[in-house]
Amino acid sequence: MKSMSQDHQKGLSYRDAGVDIDAGNALIERIKPHAKRTARKESLGALGGFGALFKIPQGYQSPVLVSGTDGVGTKLKLAIDYHRHSQIGEDLVAMCVNDLIVANAEPLFFLDYYATGQLDVDVAESVIASIANGCELSGCALAGGETAEMPGMYHDGDYDLAGFCVGVAEESKILDGSGVKAGNAIIGLPSSGPHSNGYSLIRKIIAHADINPETEQLTPDSTVLDAVMQPTRIYVKSVLKAMATGQITGAVHVTGGGFQENLPRSFGSDLAAHIDLDTWVRPEIFKWLEAQGDVGAEEMLRTFNCGIGFIMFCAPEHVAEVTEVLKSTGEHPIVIGELIERKTDAVVFSGAFA
């Protein structure tokens, strides 16, 4: 009778087809410590099971689960081309958790999907370690994920990412836009740069400028590549602390579509957001993109966050309290406008960028 080892030596193997099961197993062992440092007391089971188990935290009278999924868009292409793998996972987490907190939901656990043609364990570990960093910053557990090795689906060195997050909110405290009123102040929180939006345009502008973004200085301390690869800010802890005051009537994550597309998602059709562009100074990267791409002001505002990554609304008499709470978390809140009765457009601008 032939042994399995003898039989294994004949014919094609999964590895011959381009899938290395041993590399996948090695990756799981290497990422276990990263997942462990994100664990919450509600986490059940260990990484590597068929499903992630998680208890709903105590203290909620009528808990509602809130979920979201996202990717990082073509910013990922820059990360691959310039070997900037060690922070891209923070972008992935941020794009999901920042959406959840719009509803006043606490992120609980996160799952990732990493797909590639041929698994490079070092690159994959770097990416997943950065996902764990993002989970730590947002207070949620990296509960599991999926690593897919699919020969023929991706070019050499390419990979793709998707993230999935589940949070919980008290039903009576969910923000759905119904509490937003005319006269509410609009409070903006600064972004770290373009975050994870508009990168198809960013890549086109870099190509059009015919520069090497690794060496092109934007400021004395930053190259163009440094600026566009800054991770998306994670606003979870500061925003939830502000929302705990009970004075926030609505919120907006400024993502793809910029101001014109995202703001109207968080208030009624009878209202409009008046944004005063004189109230903040854009980071240098947005000035560079506008100049190099000859991008119009309206297009900039529809494509990028232009320096404001998250927005909250509150009654004017509560602005001092809310901004003081935000400052206590290290934020630098800016009152950038107010809600008004809608006449034509859902978002109207005054002033001009410096």
Protein backbone atom coordinates (compact mmCIF):
# COMPACT_ATOMS: atom_id res chain seq x y z
CA MET A 1 0.00 0.00 0.00
CA LYS A 2 1.32 3.46 -0.92
CA SER A 3 1.83 5.94 1.87
CA MET A 4 0.33 9.41 1.63
CA SER A 5 3.86 10.88 1.47
CA GLN A 6 4.67 8.72 -1.57
CA ASP A 7 1.40 9.66 -3.23
CA HIS A 8 2.04 13.35 -2.46
CA GLN A 9 5.21 13.30 -4.54
CA LYS A 10 3.29 12.51 -7.74
CA GLY A 11 1.10 14.86 -9.75
CA LEU A 12 0.32 18.50 -9.21
CA SER A 13 -0.09 20.10 -5.80
CA TYR A 14 -1.94 23.21 -4.59
CA ARG A 15 1.47 24.88 -4.25
CA ASP A 16 2.19 24.09 -7.93
CA ALA A 17 -1.03 25.99 -8.72
CA GLY A 18 0.29 28.99 -6.83
CA VAL A 19 -1.32 28.62 -3.39
CA ASP A 20 1.00 28.10 -0.43
CA ILE A 21 -1.01 26.76 2.51
CA ASP A 22 2.09 26.74 4.72
CA ALA A 23 2.61 30.47 4.09
CA GLY A 24 -1.01 31.10 5.02
CA ASN A 25 -0.59 29.17 8.27
CA ALA A 26 2.60 31.07 9.03
CA LEU A 27 0.79 34.35 8.55
CA ILE A 28 -1.96 33.35 10.99
CA GLU A 29 0.64 32.61 13.65
CA ARG A 30 2.38 35.93 13.04
CA ILE A 31 -0.78 38.03 13.26
CA LYS A 32 -2.16 36.38 16.41
CA PRO A 33 -0.19 38.75 18.71
CA HIS A 34 -1.47 41.76 16.74
CA ALA A 35 -5.06 40.60 17.14
CA LYS A 36 -4.53 39.78 20.81
CA ARG A 37 -3.52 43.36 21.67
CA THR A 38 -6.89 44.61 20.34
CA ALA A 39 -9.02 42.20 22.35
CA ARG A 40 -11.87 43.54 24.46
CA LYS A 41 -13.42 41.82 27.48
CA GLU A 42 -16.40 40.93 25.30
CA SER A 43 -14.19 39.01 22.84
CA LEU A 44 -14.77 35.26 22.89
CA GLY A 45 -12.66 32.56 21.25
CA ALA A 46 -9.29 32.79 19.54
CA LEU A 47 -8.22 33.91 16.09
CA GLY A 48 -8.41 31.13 13.52
CA GLY A 49 -11.88 29.75 14.18
CA PHE A 50 -14.67 29.58 11.63
CA GLY A 51 -16.52 32.51 13.15
CA ALA A 52 -15.75 35.42 15.48
CA LEU A 53 -17.68 35.43 18.76
CA PHE A 54 -18.44 38.64 20.61
CA LYS A 55 -20.79 39.55 23.48
CA ILE A 56 -22.78 42.77 23.40
CA PRO A 57 -21.37 45.05 26.13
CA GLN A 58 -23.32 45.58 29.32
CA GLY A 59 -24.98 48.89 30.06
CA TYR A 60 -27.20 49.18 26.99
CA GLN A 61 -30.92 49.20 27.69
CA SER A 62 -32.00 48.72 24.09
CA PRO A 63 -28.89 47.94 22.03
CA VAL A 64 -28.96 48.29 18.25
CA LEU A 65 -26.18 46.79 16.14
CA VAL A 66 -24.72 49.12 13.52
CA SER A 67 -22.48 47.74 10.76
CA GLY A 68 -20.35 49.11 7.96
CA THR A 69 -17.95 47.95 5.26
CA ASP A 70 -15.42 49.82 3.13
CA GLY A 71 -12.03 49.73 1.44
CA VAL A 72 -9.27 52.26 0.87
CA GLY A 73 -9.73 52.82 -2.86
CA THR A 74 -6.79 53.47 -5.15
CA LYS A 75 -4.71 54.84 -2.29
CA LEU A 76 -3.84 51.16 -2.06
CA LYS A 77 -2.10 51.38 -5.44
CA LEU A 78 0.26 54.05 -4.08
CA ALA A 79 0.93 51.90 -1.00
CA ILE A 80 1.86 48.97 -3.26
CA ASP A 81 3.89 50.97 -5.79
CA TYR A 82 5.92 52.78 -3.12
CA HIS A 83 6.03 50.00 -0.49
CA ARG A 84 4.06 51.98 2.08
CA HIS A 85 2.32 48.99 3.69
CA SER A 86 2.79 49.83 7.37
CA GLN A 87 -0.07 52.36 7.71
CA ILE A 88 -2.61 51.49 5.03
CA GLY A 89 -4.51 49.26 7.49
CA GLU A 90 -5.28 52.31 9.64
CA ASP A 91 -7.04 53.79 6.61
CA LEU A 92 -9.11 50.62 6.27
CA VAL A 93 -10.26 50.70 9.88
CA ALA A 94 -10.86 54.45 9.83
CA MET A 95 -13.13 54.33 6.78
CA CYS A 96 -15.39 51.87 8.60
CA VAL A 97 -15.38 53.12 12.20
CA ASN A 98 -15.77 56.80 11.24
CA ASP A 99 -18.96 55.85 9.43
CA LEU A 100 -20.33 54.04 12.49
CA ILE A 101 -19.82 56.93 14.90
CA VAL A 102 -21.99 59.17 12.69
CA ALA A 103 -24.91 57.28 14.25
CA ASN A 104 -23.41 57.56 17.77
CA ALA A 105 -22.40 53.89 17.68
CA GLU A 106 -19.46 52.44 19.59
CA PRO A 107 -17.31 50.21 17.32
CA LEU A 108 -17.05 46.72 18.81
CA PHE A 109 -15.18 44.44 16.45
CA PHE A 110 -13.53 44.49 13.04
CA LEU A 111 -12.95 41.89 10.32
CA ASP A 112 -10.58 42.27 7.39
CA TYR A 113 -10.31 40.70 3.95
CA TYR A 114 -6.84 40.54 2.36
CA ALA A 115 -6.61 39.13 -1.17
CA THR A 116 -3.51 38.66 -3.29
CA GLY A 117 -2.14 36.62 -6.17
CA GLN A 118 0.82 35.24 -4.25
CA LEU A 119 1.08 35.64 -0.50
CA ASP A 120 4.05 37.64 0.74
CA VAL A 121 3.95 36.94 4.48
CA ASP A 122 6.08 39.97 5.40
CA VAL A 123 3.89 42.42 3.46
CA ALA A 124 0.68 40.82 4.71
CA GLU A 125 1.85 40.95 8.33
CA SER A 126 2.79 44.62 7.96
CA VAL A 127 -0.65 45.45 6.57
CA ILE A 128 -2.53 43.46 9.20
CA ALA A 129 -0.38 44.89 12.00
CA SER A 130 -1.46 48.34 10.82
CA ILE A 131 -5.09 47.17 10.86
CA ALA A 132 -4.54 46.19 14.49
CA ASN A 133 -3.10 49.65 15.16
CA GLY A 134 -6.29 51.18 13.75
CA CYS A 135 -8.40 48.90 15.92
CA GLU A 136 -6.45 49.96 19.01
CA LEU A 137 -6.98 53.63 18.16
CA SER A 138 -10.72 53.07 17.80
CA GLY A 139 -11.13 50.72 20.77
CA CYS A 140 -12.51 47.82 18.77
CA ALA A 141 -11.30 44.23 18.60
CA LEU A 142 -9.72 42.69 15.52
CA ALA A 143 -11.90 39.62 15.77
CA GLY A 144 -10.92 37.80 12.58
CA GLY A 145 -10.63 38.02 8.85
CA GLU A 146 -9.84 36.21 5.63
CA THR A 147 -6.62 35.90 3.68
CA ALA A 148 -7.24 34.80 0.08
CA GLU A 149 -4.40 33.70 -2.19
CA MET A 150 -5.72 33.68 -5.76
CA PRO A 151 -3.12 33.13 -8.49
CA GLY A 152 -4.00 34.81 -11.77
CA MET A 153 -6.38 37.33 -10.19
CA TYR A 154 -3.77 39.97 -9.35
CA HIS A 155 -0.50 41.24 -10.83
CA ASP A 156 2.70 40.38 -8.97
CA GLY A 157 2.87 42.25 -5.68
CA ASP A 158 -0.72 43.51 -5.85
CA TYR A 159 -3.24 42.95 -3.08
CA ASP A 160 -6.68 44.21 -2.17
CA LEU A 161 -8.28 45.10 1.15
CA ALA A 162 -11.80 45.28 2.52
CA GLY A 163 -12.95 45.93 6.06
CA PHE A 164 -16.10 45.14 8.00
CA CYS A 165 -17.02 46.64 11.38
CA VAL A 166 -19.88 46.08 13.82
CA GLY A 167 -20.80 48.58 16.52
CA VAL A 168 -23.58 49.12 19.02
CA ALA A 169 -25.75 52.11 19.84
CA GLU A 170 -28.41 52.84 22.42
CA GLU A 171 -31.61 52.98 20.38
CA SER A 172 -32.85 56.17 22.03
CA LYS A 173 -29.52 57.93 21.33
CA ILE A 174 -29.05 57.06 17.66
CA LEU A 175 -28.45 60.10 15.49
CA ASP A 176 -30.52 59.90 12.32
CA GLY A 177 -30.67 63.55 11.26
CA SER A 178 -34.13 64.19 12.67
CA GLY A 179 -32.75 66.40 15.46
CA VAL A 180 -30.89 68.78 13.16
CA LYS A 181 -32.49 72.25 13.06
CA ALA A 182 -31.94 75.53 11.23
CA GLY A 183 -29.53 77.63 13.26
CA ASN A 184 -27.45 74.64 14.38
CA ALA A 185 -23.74 75.32 14.31
CA ILE A 186 -21.49 73.21 12.10
CA ILE A 187 -18.33 72.11 13.91
CA GLY A 188 -15.49 70.69 11.81
CA LEU A 189 -12.61 68.49 12.92
CA PRO A 190 -9.35 68.72 10.95
CA SER A 191 -8.25 65.92 8.64
CA SER A 192 -4.72 64.60 8.24
CA GLY A 193 -4.89 65.08 4.47
CA PRO A 194 -6.98 63.49 1.69
CA HIS A 195 -7.66 60.49 3.96
CA SER A 196 -8.78 57.72 1.57
CA ASN A 197 -10.77 59.62 -1.03
CA GLY A 198 -10.05 61.10 -4.43
CA TYR A 199 -6.96 58.99 -5.08
CA SER A 200 -7.76 58.25 -8.71
CA LEU A 201 -7.56 62.00 -9.26
CA ILE A 202 -4.50 62.32 -6.99
CA ARG A 203 -2.63 59.66 -8.98
CA LYS A 204 -3.58 61.37 -12.24
CA ILE A 205 -2.35 64.74 -10.95
CA ILE A 206 0.97 63.21 -9.83
CA ALA A 207 1.38 61.61 -13.26
CA HIS A 208 0.44 64.88 -14.99
CA ALA A 209 2.94 66.82 -12.86
CA ASP A 210 5.61 64.35 -13.99
CA ILE A 211 7.34 64.29 -10.60
CA ASN A 212 8.62 61.59 -8.28
CA PRO A 213 6.33 61.95 -5.23
CA GLU A 214 8.97 60.26 -3.06
CA THR A 215 11.43 63.10 -3.61
CA GLU A 216 9.23 66.08 -4.50
CA GLN A 217 9.22 68.31 -1.42
CA LEU A 218 5.83 69.70 -0.43
CA THR A 219 7.15 71.38 2.72
CA PRO A 220 10.62 71.28 4.33
CA ASP A 221 9.42 68.32 6.45
CA SER A 222 7.26 66.43 3.97
CA THR A 223 7.33 65.04 0.45
CA VAL A 224 4.23 64.82 -1.73
CA LEU A 225 4.13 61.06 -1.07
CA ASP A 226 4.37 61.59 2.70
CA ALA A 227 1.41 63.96 2.53
CA VAL A 228 -0.87 61.78 0.41
CA MET A 229 -0.05 58.64 2.43
CA GLN A 230 -0.93 60.13 5.83
CA PRO A 231 -3.40 57.68 7.38
CA THR A 232 -7.06 58.61 7.65
CA ARG A 233 -7.72 60.08 11.09
CA ILE A 234 -9.74 57.91 13.46
CA TYR A 235 -12.24 60.15 15.27
CA VAL A 236 -13.91 57.53 17.46
CA LYS A 237 -12.82 58.51 20.97
CA SER A 238 -13.12 62.28 20.57
CA VAL A 239 -16.45 62.17 18.74
CA LEU A 240 -18.11 59.69 21.10
CA LYS A 241 -17.00 61.77 24.08
CA ALA A 242 -18.59 64.85 22.47
CA MET A 243 -21.75 62.89 21.70
CA ALA A 244 -21.93 61.77 25.34
CA THR A 245 -22.81 65.39 26.22
CA GLY A 246 -26.19 64.80 24.58
CA GLN A 247 -25.83 68.07 22.67
CA ILE A 248 -24.88 66.73 19.22
CA THR A 249 -27.84 66.72 16.81
CA GLY A 250 -26.12 65.15 13.80
CA ALA A 251 -22.78 64.17 12.32
CA VAL A 252 -21.05 63.68 8.98
CA HIS A 253 -18.02 61.66 7.91
CA VAL A 254 -16.55 63.66 5.01
CA THR A 255 -15.60 60.87 2.59
CA GLY A 256 -15.99 60.33 -1.15
CA GLY A 257 -18.16 63.06 -2.63
CA GLY A 258 -16.76 65.71 -0.30
CA PHE A 259 -19.04 68.33 1.19
CA GLN A 260 -21.76 68.44 -1.46
CA GLU A 261 -22.54 64.72 -1.32
CA ASN A 262 -21.98 63.88 2.36
CA LEU A 263 -23.51 66.77 4.30
CA PRO A 264 -27.09 66.33 2.96
CA ARG A 265 -27.08 62.71 4.13
CA SER A 266 -27.34 63.93 7.74
CA PHE A 267 -30.20 66.44 7.68
CA GLY A 268 -33.67 66.90 6.21
CA SER A 269 -34.57 68.12 2.72
CA ASP A 270 -35.81 71.45 4.15
CA LEU A 271 -32.32 72.39 5.37
CA ALA A 272 -29.05 73.45 3.80
CA ALA A 273 -25.51 73.68 5.15
CA HIS A 274 -23.84 77.07 4.83
CA ILE A 275 -20.07 76.56 4.89
CA ASP A 276 -17.72 79.52 5.36
CA LEU A 277 -14.47 78.67 3.58
CA ASP A 278 -12.66 81.51 5.39
CA THR A 279 -12.85 79.67 8.72
CA TRP A 280 -9.97 77.25 8.17
CA VAL A 281 -6.68 76.97 6.29
CA ARG A 282 -6.27 73.95 4.05
CA PRO A 283 -3.25 71.67 4.47
CA GLU A 284 -0.57 72.29 1.83
CA ILE A 285 -1.33 69.07 -0.05
CA PHE A 286 -4.73 70.38 -1.13
CA LYS A 287 -3.19 73.60 -2.43
CA TRP A 288 -0.64 71.56 -4.37
CA LEU A 289 -3.30 69.27 -5.88
CA GLU A 290 -5.46 72.24 -6.88
CA ALA A 291 -2.54 74.03 -8.55
CA GLN A 292 -0.90 71.04 -10.23
CA GLY A 293 -4.18 69.64 -11.55
CA ASP A 294 -5.79 73.01 -12.28
CA VAL A 295 -8.77 71.71 -10.31
CA GLY A 296 -11.66 74.11 -9.77
CA ALA A 297 -12.85 75.03 -6.27
CA GLU A 298 -16.20 73.25 -6.67
CA GLU A 299 -14.48 70.09 -7.89
CA MET A 300 -12.03 70.21 -4.97
CA LEU A 301 -14.93 70.43 -2.51
CA ARG A 302 -16.83 67.62 -4.23
CA THR A 303 -13.82 65.29 -4.35
CA PHE A 304 -11.76 65.97 -1.21
CA ASN A 305 -12.35 66.80 2.45
CA CYS A 306 -10.14 69.90 1.94
CA GLY A 307 -8.89 69.70 5.52
CA ILE A 308 -12.13 68.86 7.39
CA GLY A 309 -12.57 65.14 7.93
CA PHE A 310 -15.53 64.98 10.33
CA ILE A 311 -18.42 67.32 11.10
CA MET A 312 -20.92 67.63 13.94
CA PHE A 313 -24.00 69.81 14.43
CA CYS A 314 -25.25 71.32 17.67
CA ALA A 315 -27.40 74.23 18.87
CA PRO A 316 -25.40 77.48 19.08
CA GLU A 317 -25.82 77.72 22.85
CA HIS A 318 -24.00 74.38 23.23
CA VAL A 319 -21.01 75.15 21.01
CA ALA A 320 -18.77 76.20 23.92
CA GLU A 321 -19.49 73.00 25.86
CA VAL A 322 -18.99 70.71 22.86
CA THR A 323 -15.78 72.38 21.69
CA GLU A 324 -14.36 72.30 25.22
CA VAL A 325 -14.96 68.54 25.39
CA LEU A 326 -13.36 68.06 22.00
CA LYS A 327 -10.34 70.12 23.00
CA SER A 328 -9.92 67.95 26.10
CA THR A 329 -9.36 64.97 23.75
CA GLY A 330 -6.68 66.78 21.76
CA GLU A 331 -8.96 67.89 18.93
CA HIS A 332 -8.90 71.33 17.33
CA PRO A 333 -12.57 71.97 16.52
CA ILE A 334 -13.55 74.81 14.20
CA VAL A 335 -17.00 76.32 13.73
CA ILE A 336 -17.20 76.34 9.94
CA GLY A 337 -20.82 77.32 9.32
CA GLU A 338 -24.46 76.80 10.25
CA LEU A 339 -27.63 75.07 9.09
CA ILE A 340 -30.08 77.30 7.24
CA GLU A 341 -33.42 76.89 5.52
CA ARG A 342 -32.95 75.45 2.06
CA LYS A 343 -33.70 77.61 -0.96
CA THR A 344 -31.91 75.82 -3.77
CA ASP A 345 -28.72 73.83 -3.05
CA ALA A 346 -28.28 71.56 -0.05
CA VAL A 347 -24.79 72.97 0.54
CA VAL A 348 -23.84 76.60 -0.06
CA PHE A 349 -20.41 78.16 0.32
CA SER A 350 -19.21 81.63 1.17
CA GLY A 351 -15.73 83.05 1.43
CA ALA A 352 -12.72 81.58 -0.34
CA PHE A 353 -9.84 79.31 0.53
CA ALA A 354 -6.58 80.96 1.43
